[in-house]
């Protein structure tokens, strides 16, 4: 019995992986929620072009956390984490702070 091995495929004949904008939105929203100080109501829109994605994020930052520091940390985390999970480069993340919810369960601030 003889064994034959197939030659590895040429780089020109390999397929292309396409990551949808919906998948990038979901990955980015989940990644934003991983940042301490971000409330769960994150909204993300994504535009995928080639092998890069541009993100627009509506970010609720828990009051009284430092808004600029949380936004900067979230931007850096989104660039790194979205790139890791999607394989796309993320050259730009636009963040709009959409709300400053309090951590109180009954909505009162003391």
PDB file of N, CA and C in Angstrom:
ATOM      1  N   UNK A   1       0.846  -1.170   0.000  1.00  0.00           N
ATOM      2  CA  UNK A   1       0.000   0.000   0.000  1.00  0.00           C
ATOM      3  C   UNK A   1       0.891   1.233   0.000  1.00  0.00           C
ATOM      4  N   UNK A   2       0.627   2.157  -0.896  1.00  0.00           N
ATOM      5  CA  UNK A   2       1.416   3.372  -0.977  1.00  0.00           C
ATOM      6  C   UNK A   2       0.596   4.535  -0.445  1.00  0.00           C
ATOM      7  N   UNK A   3       1.292   5.444   0.157  1.00  0.00           N
ATOM      8  CA  UNK A   3       0.644   6.617   0.726  1.00  0.00           C
ATOM      9  C   UNK A   3       1.080   7.837  -0.062  1.00  0.00           C
ATOM     10  N   UNK A   4       0.106   8.658  -0.416  1.00  0.00           N
ATOM     11  CA  UNK A   4       0.437   9.902  -1.101  1.00  0.00           C
ATOM     12  C   UNK A   4       0.028  11.059  -0.206  1.00  0.00           C
ATOM     13  N   UNK A   5       0.799  12.077  -0.238  1.00  0.00           N
ATOM     14  CA  UNK A   5       0.464  13.262   0.549  1.00  0.00           C
ATOM     15  C   UNK A   5       0.175  14.405  -0.406  1.00  0.00           C
ATOM     16  N   UNK A   6      -0.806  15.155  -0.057  1.00  0.00           N
ATOM     17  CA  UNK A   6      -1.184  16.292  -0.896  1.00  0.00           C
ATOM     18  C   UNK A   6      -0.232  17.442  -0.622  1.00  0.00           C
ATOM     19  N   UNK A   7       0.071  18.170  -1.644  1.00  0.00           N
ATOM     20  CA  UNK A   7       0.924  19.345  -1.488  1.00  0.00           C
ATOM     21  C   UNK A   7       0.142  20.432  -0.770  1.00  0.00           C
ATOM     22  N   UNK A   8       0.826  21.224   0.042  1.00  0.00           N
ATOM     23  CA  UNK A   8       0.113  22.318   0.709  1.00  0.00           C
ATOM     24  C   UNK A   8      -0.427  23.294  -0.316  1.00  0.00           C
ATOM     25  N   UNK A   9      -1.574  23.907  -0.029  1.00  0.00           N
ATOM     26  CA  UNK A   9      -2.165  24.828  -1.005  1.00  0.00           C
ATOM     27  C   UNK A   9      -1.294  26.069  -1.187  1.00  0.00           C
ATOM     28  N   UNK A  10      -1.290  26.569  -2.399  1.00  0.00           N
ATOM     29  CA  UNK A  10      -0.578  27.812  -2.666  1.00  0.00           C
ATOM     30  C   UNK A  10      -1.268  28.953  -1.923  1.00  0.00           C
ATOM     31  N   UNK A  11      -0.488  29.966  -1.609  1.00  0.00           N
ATOM     32  CA  UNK A  11      -1.076  31.126  -0.948  1.00  0.00           C
ATOM     33  C   UNK A  11      -2.111  31.806  -1.833  1.00  0.00           C
ATOM     34  N   UNK A  12      -1.951  31.680  -3.142  1.00  0.00           N
ATOM     35  CA  UNK A  12      -2.895  32.311  -4.059  1.00  0.00           C
ATOM     36  C   UNK A  12      -4.248  31.612  -4.092  1.00  0.00           C
ATOM     37  N   UNK A  13      -4.305  30.339  -3.699  1.00  0.00           N
ATOM     38  CA  UNK A  13      -5.555  29.592  -3.805  1.00  0.00           C
ATOM     39  C   UNK A  13      -6.306  29.500  -2.483  1.00  0.00           C
ATOM     40  N   UNK A  14      -5.772  30.084  -1.431  1.00  0.00           N
ATOM     41  CA  UNK A  14      -6.471  30.045  -0.140  1.00  0.00           C
ATOM     42  C   UNK A  14      -7.649  30.998  -0.139  1.00  0.00           C
ATOM     43  N   UNK A  15      -8.619  30.700   0.719  1.00  0.00           N
ATOM     44  CA  UNK A  15      -9.807  31.530   0.823  1.00  0.00           C
ATOM     45  C   UNK A  15      -9.559  32.788   1.637  1.00  0.00           C
ATOM     46  N   UNK A  16     -10.578  33.582   1.753  1.00  0.00           N
ATOM     47  CA  UNK A  16     -10.520  34.828   2.497  1.00  0.00           C
ATOM     48  C   UNK A  16     -11.564  34.769   3.596  1.00  0.00           C
ATOM     49  N   UNK A  17     -11.180  35.152   4.798  1.00  0.00           N
ATOM     50  CA  UNK A  17     -12.125  35.217   5.900  1.00  0.00           C
ATOM     51  C   UNK A  17     -12.718  36.620   5.943  1.00  0.00           C
ATOM     52  N   UNK A  18     -14.028  36.696   5.966  1.00  0.00           N
ATOM     53  CA  UNK A  18     -14.723  37.978   6.015  1.00  0.00           C
ATOM     54  C   UNK A  18     -15.442  38.075   7.349  1.00  0.00           C
ATOM     55  N   UNK A  19     -15.178  39.146   8.081  1.00  0.00           N
ATOM     56  CA  UNK A  19     -15.838  39.381   9.361  1.00  0.00           C
ATOM     57  C   UNK A  19     -16.900  40.452   9.134  1.00  0.00           C
ATOM     58  N   UNK A  20     -18.137  40.132   9.468  1.00  0.00           N
ATOM     59  CA  UNK A  20     -19.236  41.063   9.205  1.00  0.00           C
ATOM     60  C   UNK A  20     -19.225  42.233  10.189  1.00  0.00           C
ATOM     61  N   UNK A  21     -19.862  43.311   9.791  1.00  0.00           N
ATOM     62  CA  UNK A  21     -19.979  44.476  10.669  1.00  0.00           C
ATOM     63  C   UNK A  21     -20.761  44.124  11.922  1.00  0.00           C
ATOM     64  N   UNK A  22     -21.760  43.276  11.788  1.00  0.00           N
ATOM     65  CA  UNK A  22     -22.547  42.848  12.947  1.00  0.00           C
ATOM     66  C   UNK A  22     -21.662  42.137  13.966  1.00  0.00           C
ATOM     67  N   UNK A  23     -20.792  41.259  13.495  1.00  0.00           N
ATOM     68  CA  UNK A  23     -19.893  40.542  14.402  1.00  0.00           C
ATOM     69  C   UNK A  23     -18.938  41.510  15.088  1.00  0.00           C
ATOM     70  N   UNK A  24     -18.421  42.473  14.353  1.00  0.00           N
ATOM     71  CA  UNK A  24     -17.509  43.462  14.937  1.00  0.00           C
ATOM     72  C   UNK A  24     -18.237  44.305  15.970  1.00  0.00           C
ATOM     73  N   UNK A  25     -19.486  44.692  15.686  1.00  0.00           N
ATOM     74  CA  UNK A  25     -20.282  45.461  16.667  1.00  0.00           C
ATOM     75  C   UNK A  25     -20.437  44.693  17.966  1.00  0.00           C
ATOM     76  N   UNK A  26     -20.762  43.423  17.850  1.00  0.00           N
ATOM     77  CA  UNK A  26     -20.992  42.613  19.047  1.00  0.00           C
ATOM     78  C   UNK A  26     -19.697  42.399  19.831  1.00  0.00           C
ATOM     79  N   UNK A  27     -18.612  42.151  19.126  1.00  0.00           N
ATOM     80  CA  UNK A  27     -17.310  41.982  19.786  1.00  0.00           C
ATOM     81  C   UNK A  27     -16.931  43.264  20.520  1.00  0.00           C
ATOM     82  N   UNK A  28     -17.077  44.399  19.856  1.00  0.00           N
ATOM     83  CA  UNK A  28     -16.690  45.671  20.454  1.00  0.00           C
ATOM     84  C   UNK A  28     -17.571  46.034  21.647  1.00  0.00           C
ATOM     85  N   UNK A  29     -18.868  45.789  21.553  1.00  0.00           N
ATOM     86  CA  UNK A  29     -19.761  46.092  22.678  1.00  0.00           C
ATOM     87  C   UNK A  29     -19.388  45.252  23.896  1.00  0.00           C
ATOM     88  N   UNK A  30     -19.107  43.998  23.663  1.00  0.00           N
ATOM     89  CA  UNK A  30     -18.706  43.117  24.772  1.00  0.00           C
ATOM     90  C   UNK A  30     -17.379  43.572  25.370  1.00  0.00           C
ATOM     91  N   UNK A  31     -16.434  43.954  24.510  1.00  0.00           N
ATOM     92  CA  UNK A  31     -15.134  44.423  24.979  1.00  0.00           C
ATOM     93  C   UNK A  31     -15.271  45.715  25.790  1.00  0.00           C
ATOM     94  N   UNK A  32     -16.152  46.611  25.369  1.00  0.00           N
ATOM     95  CA  UNK A  32     -16.349  47.863  26.104  1.00  0.00           C
ATOM     96  C   UNK A  32     -16.876  47.594  27.504  1.00  0.00           C
ATOM     97  N   UNK A  33     -17.757  46.609  27.633  1.00  0.00           N
ATOM     98  CA  UNK A  33     -18.312  46.271  28.948  1.00  0.00           C
ATOM     99  C   UNK A  33     -17.271  45.668  29.887  1.00  0.00           C
ATOM    100  N   UNK A  34     -16.138  45.217  29.340  1.00  0.00           N
ATOM    101  CA  UNK A  34     -15.059  44.658  30.165  1.00  0.00           C
ATOM    102  C   UNK A  34     -14.293  45.739  30.920  1.00  0.00           C
ATOM    103  N   UNK A  35     -14.436  46.999  30.505  1.00  0.00           N
ATOM    104  CA  UNK A  35     -13.710  48.101  31.127  1.00  0.00           C
ATOM    105  C   UNK A  35     -14.440  48.531  32.401  1.00  0.00           C
ATOM    106  N   UNK A  36     -13.690  48.623  33.492  1.00  0.00           N
ATOM    107  CA  UNK A  36     -14.265  49.026  34.773  1.00  0.00           C
ATOM    108  C   UNK A  36     -14.766  50.470  34.681  1.00  0.00           C
ATOM    109  N   UNK A  37     -16.009  50.688  35.083  1.00  0.00           N
ATOM    110  CA  UNK A  37     -16.606  52.015  35.047  1.00  0.00           C
ATOM    111  C   UNK A  37     -17.576  52.216  33.903  1.00  0.00           C
ATOM    112  N   UNK A  38     -17.672  51.231  33.005  1.00  0.00           N
ATOM    113  CA  UNK A  38     -18.604  51.330  31.879  1.00  0.00           C
ATOM    114  C   UNK A  38     -19.891  50.588  32.241  1.00  0.00           C
ATOM    115  N   UNK A  39     -21.027  51.257  32.065  1.00  0.00           N
ATOM    116  CA  UNK A  39     -22.329  50.636  32.317  1.00  0.00           C
ATOM    117  C   UNK A  39     -22.674  49.710  31.148  1.00  0.00           C
ATOM    118  N   UNK A  40     -23.580  48.745  31.355  1.00  0.00           N
ATOM    119  CA  UNK A  40     -23.836  47.733  30.323  1.00  0.00           C
ATOM    120  C   UNK A  40     -24.576  48.201  29.071  1.00  0.00           C
ATOM    121  N   UNK A  41     -25.134  49.385  29.046  1.00  0.00           N
ATOM    122  CA  UNK A  41     -25.947  49.824  27.904  1.00  0.00           C
ATOM    123  C   UNK A  41     -25.098  50.425  26.778  1.00  0.00           C
ATOM    124  N   UNK A  42     -24.036  49.767  26.388  1.00  0.00           N
ATOM    125  CA  UNK A  42     -23.131  50.252  25.343  1.00  0.00           C
ATOM    126  C   UNK A  42     -23.757  50.030  23.968  1.00  0.00           C
ATOM    127  N   UNK A  43     -23.633  51.022  23.085  1.00  0.00           N
ATOM    128  CA  UNK A  43     -24.097  50.899  21.702  1.00  0.00           C
ATOM    129  C   UNK A  43     -22.900  51.116  20.780  1.00  0.00           C
ATOM    130  N   UNK A  44     -22.735  50.222  19.810  1.00  0.00           N
ATOM    131  CA  UNK A  44     -21.592  50.303  18.900  1.00  0.00           C
ATOM    132  C   UNK A  44     -22.065  50.214  17.457  1.00  0.00           C
ATOM    133  N   UNK A  45     -21.469  51.042  16.611  1.00  0.00           N
ATOM    134  CA  UNK A  45     -21.637  50.856  15.169  1.00  0.00           C
ATOM    135  C   UNK A  45     -20.236  50.665  14.600  1.00  0.00           C
ATOM    136  N   UNK A  46     -20.147  49.863  13.541  1.00  0.00           N
ATOM    137  CA  UNK A  46     -18.849  49.538  12.959  1.00  0.00           C
ATOM    138  C   UNK A  46     -18.921  49.653  11.446  1.00  0.00           C
ATOM    139  N   UNK A  47     -17.807  50.085  10.872  1.00  0.00           N
ATOM    140  CA  UNK A  47     -17.677  50.106   9.419  1.00  0.00           C
ATOM    141  C   UNK A  47     -16.423  49.312   9.075  1.00  0.00           C
ATOM    142  N   UNK A  48     -16.615  48.204   8.395  1.00  0.00           N
ATOM    143  CA  UNK A  48     -15.500  47.333   8.025  1.00  0.00           C
ATOM    144  C   UNK A  48     -15.154  47.595   6.571  1.00  0.00           C
ATOM    145  N   UNK A  49     -13.889  47.903   6.331  1.00  0.00           N
ATOM    146  CA  UNK A  49     -13.385  48.126   4.984  1.00  0.00           C
ATOM    147  C   UNK A  49     -12.082  47.354   4.843  1.00  0.00           C
ATOM    148  N   UNK A  50     -12.096  46.347   3.997  1.00  0.00           N
ATOM    149  CA  UNK A  50     -10.894  45.526   3.825  1.00  0.00           C
ATOM    150  C   UNK A  50     -10.555  44.793   5.102  1.00  0.00           C
ATOM    151  N   UNK A  51      -9.364  45.056   5.634  1.00  0.00           N
ATOM    152  CA  UNK A  51      -8.962  44.386   6.869  1.00  0.00           C
ATOM    153  C   UNK A  51      -8.901  45.342   8.049  1.00  0.00           C
ATOM    154  N   UNK A  52      -9.719  46.403   8.011  1.00  0.00           N
ATOM    155  CA  UNK A  52      -9.775  47.326   9.139  1.00  0.00           C
ATOM    156  C   UNK A  52     -11.222  47.666   9.474  1.00  0.00           C
ATOM    157  N   UNK A  53     -11.419  48.081  10.716  1.00  0.00           N
ATOM    158  CA  UNK A  53     -12.756  48.449  11.191  1.00  0.00           C
ATOM    159  C   UNK A  53     -12.668  49.766  11.952  1.00  0.00           C
ATOM    160  N   UNK A  54     -13.608  50.655  11.677  1.00  0.00           N
ATOM    161  CA  UNK A  54     -13.723  51.908  12.404  1.00  0.00           C
ATOM    162  C   UNK A  54     -14.957  51.790  13.290  1.00  0.00           C
ATOM    163  N   UNK A  55     -14.801  52.138  14.563  1.00  0.00           N
ATOM    164  CA  UNK A  55     -15.883  51.980  15.537  1.00  0.00           C
ATOM    165  C   UNK A  55     -16.401  53.332  15.995  1.00  0.00           C
ATOM    166  N   UNK A  56     -17.727  53.403  16.192  1.00  0.00           N
ATOM    167  CA  UNK A  56     -18.382  54.542  16.851  1.00  0.00           C
ATOM    168  C   UNK A  56     -19.114  53.961  18.046  1.00  0.00           C
ATOM    169  N   UNK A  57     -18.823  54.487  19.230  1.00  0.00           N
ATOM    170  CA  UNK A  57     -19.321  53.907  20.468  1.00  0.00           C
ATOM    171  C   UNK A  57     -20.075  54.956  21.272  1.00  0.00           C
ATOM    172  N   UNK A  58     -21.289  54.596  21.690  1.00  0.00           N
ATOM    173  CA  UNK A  58     -22.044  55.403  22.668  1.00  0.00           C
ATOM    174  C   UNK A  58     -21.823  54.730  24.009  1.00  0.00           C
ATOM    175  N   UNK A  59     -21.110  55.423  24.888  1.00  0.00           N
ATOM    176  CA  UNK A  59     -20.580  54.822  26.100  1.00  0.00           C
ATOM    177  C   UNK A  59     -21.200  55.438  27.349  1.00  0.00           C
ATOM    178  N   UNK A  60     -21.944  54.664  28.131  1.00  0.00           N
ATOM    179  CA  UNK A  60     -22.420  55.164  29.421  1.00  0.00           C
ATOM    180  C   UNK A  60     -21.335  54.935  30.479  1.00  0.00           C
ATOM    181  N   UNK A  61     -20.910  56.008  31.127  1.00  0.00           N
ATOM    182  CA  UNK A  61     -19.860  55.935  32.151  1.00  0.00           C
ATOM    183  C   UNK A  61     -20.510  56.107  33.511  1.00  0.00           C
ATOM    184  N   UNK A  62     -20.255  55.162  34.402  1.00  0.00           N
ATOM    185  CA  UNK A  62     -20.865  55.214  35.739  1.00  0.00           C
ATOM    186  C   UNK A  62     -20.382  56.438  36.518  1.00  0.00           C
ATOM    187  N   UNK A  63     -21.355  57.189  37.034  1.00  0.00           N
ATOM    188  CA  UNK A  63     -21.074  58.352  37.861  1.00  0.00           C
ATOM    189  C   UNK A  63     -20.628  57.879  39.238  1.00  0.00           C
ATOM    190  N   UNK A  64     -19.671  58.424  39.864  1.00  0.00           N
ATOM    191  CA  UNK A  64     -18.839  59.598  39.609  1.00  0.00           C
ATOM    192  C   UNK A  64     -17.455  59.251  39.062  1.00  0.00           C
ATOM    193  N   UNK A  65     -17.328  58.271  38.212  1.00  0.00           N
ATOM    194  CA  UNK A  65     -16.038  57.866  37.648  1.00  0.00           C
ATOM    195  C   UNK A  65     -15.493  58.959  36.726  1.00  0.00           C
ATOM    196  N   UNK A  66     -14.173  59.068  36.569  1.00  0.00           N
ATOM    197  CA  UNK A  66     -13.578  60.093  35.698  1.00  0.00           C
ATOM    198  C   UNK A  66     -13.841  59.773  34.222  1.00  0.00           C
ATOM    199  N   UNK A  67     -14.646  60.579  33.585  1.00  0.00           N
ATOM    200  CA  UNK A  67     -15.135  60.309  32.231  1.00  0.00           C
ATOM    201  C   UNK A  67     -13.991  60.187  31.226  1.00  0.00           C
ATOM    202  N   UNK A  68     -13.071  61.146  31.214  1.00  0.00           N
ATOM    203  CA  UNK A  68     -11.982  61.123  30.233  1.00  0.00           C
ATOM    204  C   UNK A  68     -11.098  59.892  30.415  1.00  0.00           C
ATOM    205  N   UNK A  69     -10.808  59.534  31.642  1.00  0.00           N
ATOM    206  CA  UNK A  69      -9.960  58.376  31.901  1.00  0.00           C
ATOM    207  C   UNK A  69     -10.638  57.075  31.475  1.00  0.00           C
ATOM    208  N   UNK A  70     -11.936  56.955  31.755  1.00  0.00           N
ATOM    209  CA  UNK A  70     -12.680  55.756  31.352  1.00  0.00           C
ATOM    210  C   UNK A  70     -12.763  55.678  29.826  1.00  0.00           C
ATOM    211  N   UNK A  71     -13.017  56.807  29.167  1.00  0.00           N
ATOM    212  CA  UNK A  71     -13.110  56.827  27.705  1.00  0.00           C
ATOM    213  C   UNK A  71     -11.769  56.447  27.073  1.00  0.00           C
ATOM    214  N   UNK A  72     -10.667  56.972  27.599  1.00  0.00           N
ATOM    215  CA  UNK A  72      -9.344  56.623  27.065  1.00  0.00           C
ATOM    216  C   UNK A  72      -9.027  55.148  27.273  1.00  0.00           C
ATOM    217  N   UNK A  73      -9.333  54.626  28.458  1.00  0.00           N
ATOM    218  CA  UNK A  73      -9.090  53.210  28.740  1.00  0.00           C
ATOM    219  C   UNK A  73      -9.941  52.326  27.842  1.00  0.00           C
ATOM    220  N   UNK A  74     -11.182  52.737  27.609  1.00  0.00           N
ATOM    221  CA  UNK A  74     -12.085  51.972  26.750  1.00  0.00           C
ATOM    222  C   UNK A  74     -11.592  51.988  25.307  1.00  0.00           C
ATOM    223  N   UNK A  75     -11.137  53.132  24.826  1.00  0.00           N
ATOM    224  CA  UNK A  75     -10.624  53.229  23.459  1.00  0.00           C
ATOM    225  C   UNK A  75      -9.434  52.282  23.266  1.00  0.00           C
ATOM    226  N   UNK A  76      -8.486  52.318  24.179  1.00  0.00           N
ATOM    227  CA  UNK A  76      -7.309  51.448  24.077  1.00  0.00           C
ATOM    228  C   UNK A  76      -7.705  49.976  24.142  1.00  0.00           C
ATOM    229  N   UNK A  77      -8.634  49.650  25.037  1.00  0.00           N
ATOM    230  CA  UNK A  77      -9.086  48.256  25.184  1.00  0.00           C
ATOM    231  C   UNK A  77      -9.822  47.789  23.926  1.00  0.00           C
ATOM    232  N   UNK A  78     -10.649  48.655  23.355  1.00  0.00           N
ATOM    233  CA  UNK A  78     -11.382  48.293  22.139  1.00  0.00           C
ATOM    234  C   UNK A  78     -10.445  48.049  20.961  1.00  0.00           C
ATOM    235  N   UNK A  79      -9.435  48.878  20.818  1.00  0.00           N
ATOM    236  CA  UNK A  79      -8.482  48.695  19.723  1.00  0.00           C
ATOM    237  C   UNK A  79      -7.782  47.353  19.866  1.00  0.00           C
ATOM    238  N   UNK A  80      -7.320  47.057  21.069  1.00  0.00           N
ATOM    239  CA  UNK A  80      -6.584  45.815  21.293  1.00  0.00           C
ATOM    240  C   UNK A  80      -7.488  44.593  21.197  1.00  0.00           C
ATOM    241  N   UNK A  81      -8.590  44.616  21.930  1.00  0.00           N
ATOM    242  CA  UNK A  81      -9.449  43.425  22.058  1.00  0.00           C
ATOM    243  C   UNK A  81     -10.211  43.116  20.763  1.00  0.00           C
ATOM    244  N   UNK A  82     -10.739  44.142  20.105  1.00  0.00           N
ATOM    245  CA  UNK A  82     -11.457  43.912  18.851  1.00  0.00           C
ATOM    246  C   UNK A  82     -10.498  43.378  17.789  1.00  0.00           C
ATOM    247  N   UNK A  83      -9.288  43.904  17.781  1.00  0.00           N
ATOM    248  CA  UNK A  83      -8.283  43.402  16.851  1.00  0.00           C
ATOM    249  C   UNK A  83      -7.927  41.950  17.119  1.00  0.00           C
ATOM    250  N   UNK A  84      -7.767  41.597  18.408  1.00  0.00           N
ATOM    251  CA  UNK A  84      -7.453  40.214  18.781  1.00  0.00           C
ATOM    252  C   UNK A  84      -8.544  39.249  18.339  1.00  0.00           C
ATOM    253  N   UNK A  85      -9.786  39.598  18.608  1.00  0.00           N
ATOM    254  CA  UNK A  85     -10.892  38.674  18.378  1.00  0.00           C
ATOM    255  C   UNK A  85     -11.379  38.628  16.933  1.00  0.00           C
ATOM    256  N   UNK A  86     -11.201  39.711  16.188  1.00  0.00           N
ATOM    257  CA  UNK A  86     -11.706  39.729  14.816  1.00  0.00           C
ATOM    258  C   UNK A  86     -10.609  39.551  13.771  1.00  0.00           C
ATOM    259  N   UNK A  87      -9.377  39.832  14.137  1.00  0.00           N
ATOM    260  CA  UNK A  87      -8.291  39.771  13.168  1.00  0.00           C
ATOM    261  C   UNK A  87      -8.190  41.029  12.314  1.00  0.00           C
ATOM    262  N   UNK A  88      -9.001  42.024  12.625  1.00  0.00           N
ATOM    263  CA  UNK A  88      -8.988  43.285  11.879  1.00  0.00           C
ATOM    264  C   UNK A  88      -8.164  44.323  12.627  1.00  0.00           C
ATOM    265  N   UNK A  89      -7.606  45.273  11.900  1.00  0.00           N
ATOM    266  CA  UNK A  89      -6.967  46.396  12.580  1.00  0.00           C
ATOM    267  C   UNK A  89      -8.057  47.424  12.889  1.00  0.00           C
ATOM    268  N   UNK A  90      -7.892  48.119  13.998  1.00  0.00           N
ATOM    269  CA  UNK A  90      -8.870  49.135  14.405  1.00  0.00           C
ATOM    270  C   UNK A  90      -8.115  50.458  14.521  1.00  0.00           C
ATOM    271  N   UNK A  91      -8.072  51.236  13.442  1.00  0.00           N
ATOM    272  CA  UNK A  91      -7.301  52.470  13.467  1.00  0.00           C
ATOM    273  C   UNK A  91      -7.989  53.625  14.196  1.00  0.00           C
ATOM    274  N   UNK A  92      -9.318  53.552  14.346  1.00  0.00           N
ATOM    275  CA  UNK A  92     -10.034  54.678  14.951  1.00  0.00           C
ATOM    276  C   UNK A  92     -11.236  54.202  15.738  1.00  0.00           C
ATOM    277  N   UNK A  93     -11.409  54.799  16.928  1.00  0.00           N
ATOM    278  CA  UNK A  93     -12.581  54.553  17.762  1.00  0.00           C
ATOM    279  C   UNK A  93     -13.102  55.908  18.213  1.00  0.00           C
ATOM    280  N   UNK A  94     -14.293  56.274  17.751  1.00  0.00           N
ATOM    281  CA  UNK A  94     -14.938  57.510  18.174  1.00  0.00           C
ATOM    282  C   UNK A  94     -15.857  57.177  19.337  1.00  0.00           C
ATOM    283  N   UNK A  95     -15.705  57.913  20.444  1.00  0.00           N
ATOM    284  CA  UNK A  95     -16.512  57.644  21.635  1.00  0.00           C
ATOM    285  C   UNK A  95     -17.356  58.857  21.970  1.00  0.00           C
ATOM    286  N   UNK A  96     -18.641  58.606  22.179  1.00  0.00           N
ATOM    287  CA  UNK A  96     -19.582  59.613  22.666  1.00  0.00           C
ATOM    288  C   UNK A  96     -20.077  59.116  24.016  1.00  0.00           C
ATOM    289  N   UNK A  97     -19.885  59.905  25.057  1.00  0.00           N
ATOM    290  CA  UNK A  97     -20.401  59.523  26.375  1.00  0.00           C
ATOM    291  C   UNK A  97     -21.888  59.819  26.358  1.00  0.00           C
ATOM    292  N   UNK A  98     -22.689  58.754  26.447  1.00  0.00           N
ATOM    293  CA  UNK A  98     -24.127  58.883  26.258  1.00  0.00           C
ATOM    294  C   UNK A  98     -24.906  59.073  27.547  1.00  0.00           C
ATOM    295  N   UNK A  99     -24.327  58.654  28.665  1.00  0.00           N
ATOM    296  CA  UNK A  99     -25.048  58.759  29.940  1.00  0.00           C
ATOM    297  C   UNK A  99     -24.058  58.661  31.083  1.00  0.00           C
ATOM    298  N   UNK A 100     -24.500  59.151  32.244  1.00  0.00           N
ATOM    299  CA  UNK A 100     -23.733  59.033  33.478  1.00  0.00           C
ATOM    300  C   UNK A 100     -24.625  58.384  34.537  1.00  0.00           C
ATOM    301  N   UNK A 101     -24.911  57.084  34.375  1.00  0.00           N
ATOM    302  CA  UNK A 101     -25.794  56.420  35.343  1.00  0.00           C
ATOM    303  C   UNK A 101     -25.108  56.274  36.701  1.00  0.00           C
ATOM    304  N   UNK A 102     -25.912  56.339  37.734  1.00  0.00           N
ATOM    305  CA  UNK A 102     -25.373  56.145  39.083  1.00  0.00           C
ATOM    306  C   UNK A 102     -25.354  54.663  39.408  1.00  0.00           C
ATOM    307  N   UNK A 103     -24.599  54.308  40.404  1.00  0.00           N
ATOM    308  CA  UNK A 103     -24.519  52.911  40.814  1.00  0.00           C
ATOM    309  C   UNK A 103     -25.610  52.534  41.791  1.00  0.00           C
ATOM    310  N   UNK A 104     -26.431  53.501  42.241  1.00  0.00           N
ATOM    311  CA  UNK A 104     -27.475  53.228  43.225  1.00  0.00           C
ATOM    312  C   UNK A 104     -28.593  52.405  42.613  1.00  0.00           C
ATOM    313  N   UNK A 105     -29.065  51.405  43.340  1.00  0.00           N
ATOM    314  CA  UNK A 105     -30.121  50.520  42.842  1.00  0.00           C
ATOM    315  C   UNK A 105     -31.459  51.245  42.722  1.00  0.00           C
ATOM    316  N   UNK A 106     -31.745  52.170  43.630  1.00  0.00           N
ATOM    317  CA  UNK A 106     -33.043  52.835  43.597  1.00  0.00           C
ATOM    318  C   UNK A 106     -32.995  54.154  42.827  1.00  0.00           C
ATOM    319  N   UNK A 107     -31.836  54.497  42.240  1.00  0.00           N
ATOM    320  CA  UNK A 107     -31.741  55.690  41.428  1.00  0.00           C
ATOM    321  C   UNK A 107     -31.453  56.955  42.200  1.00  0.00           C
ATOM    322  N   UNK A 108     -31.370  56.888  43.536  1.00  0.00           N
ATOM    323  CA  UNK A 108     -31.105  58.070  44.332  1.00  0.00           C
ATOM    324  C   UNK A 108     -29.613  58.277  44.488  1.00  0.00           C
ATOM    325  N   UNK A 109     -29.223  59.547  44.533  1.00  0.00           N
ATOM    326  CA  UNK A 109     -27.834  59.910  44.786  1.00  0.00           C
ATOM    327  C   UNK A 109     -27.770  60.534  46.162  1.00  0.00           C
ATOM    328  N   UNK A 110     -26.821  60.091  46.941  1.00  0.00           N
ATOM    329  CA  UNK A 110     -26.696  60.669  48.310  1.00  0.00           C
ATOM    330  C   UNK A 110     -25.641  61.720  48.339  1.00  0.00           C
TER     331      UNK A 110
END
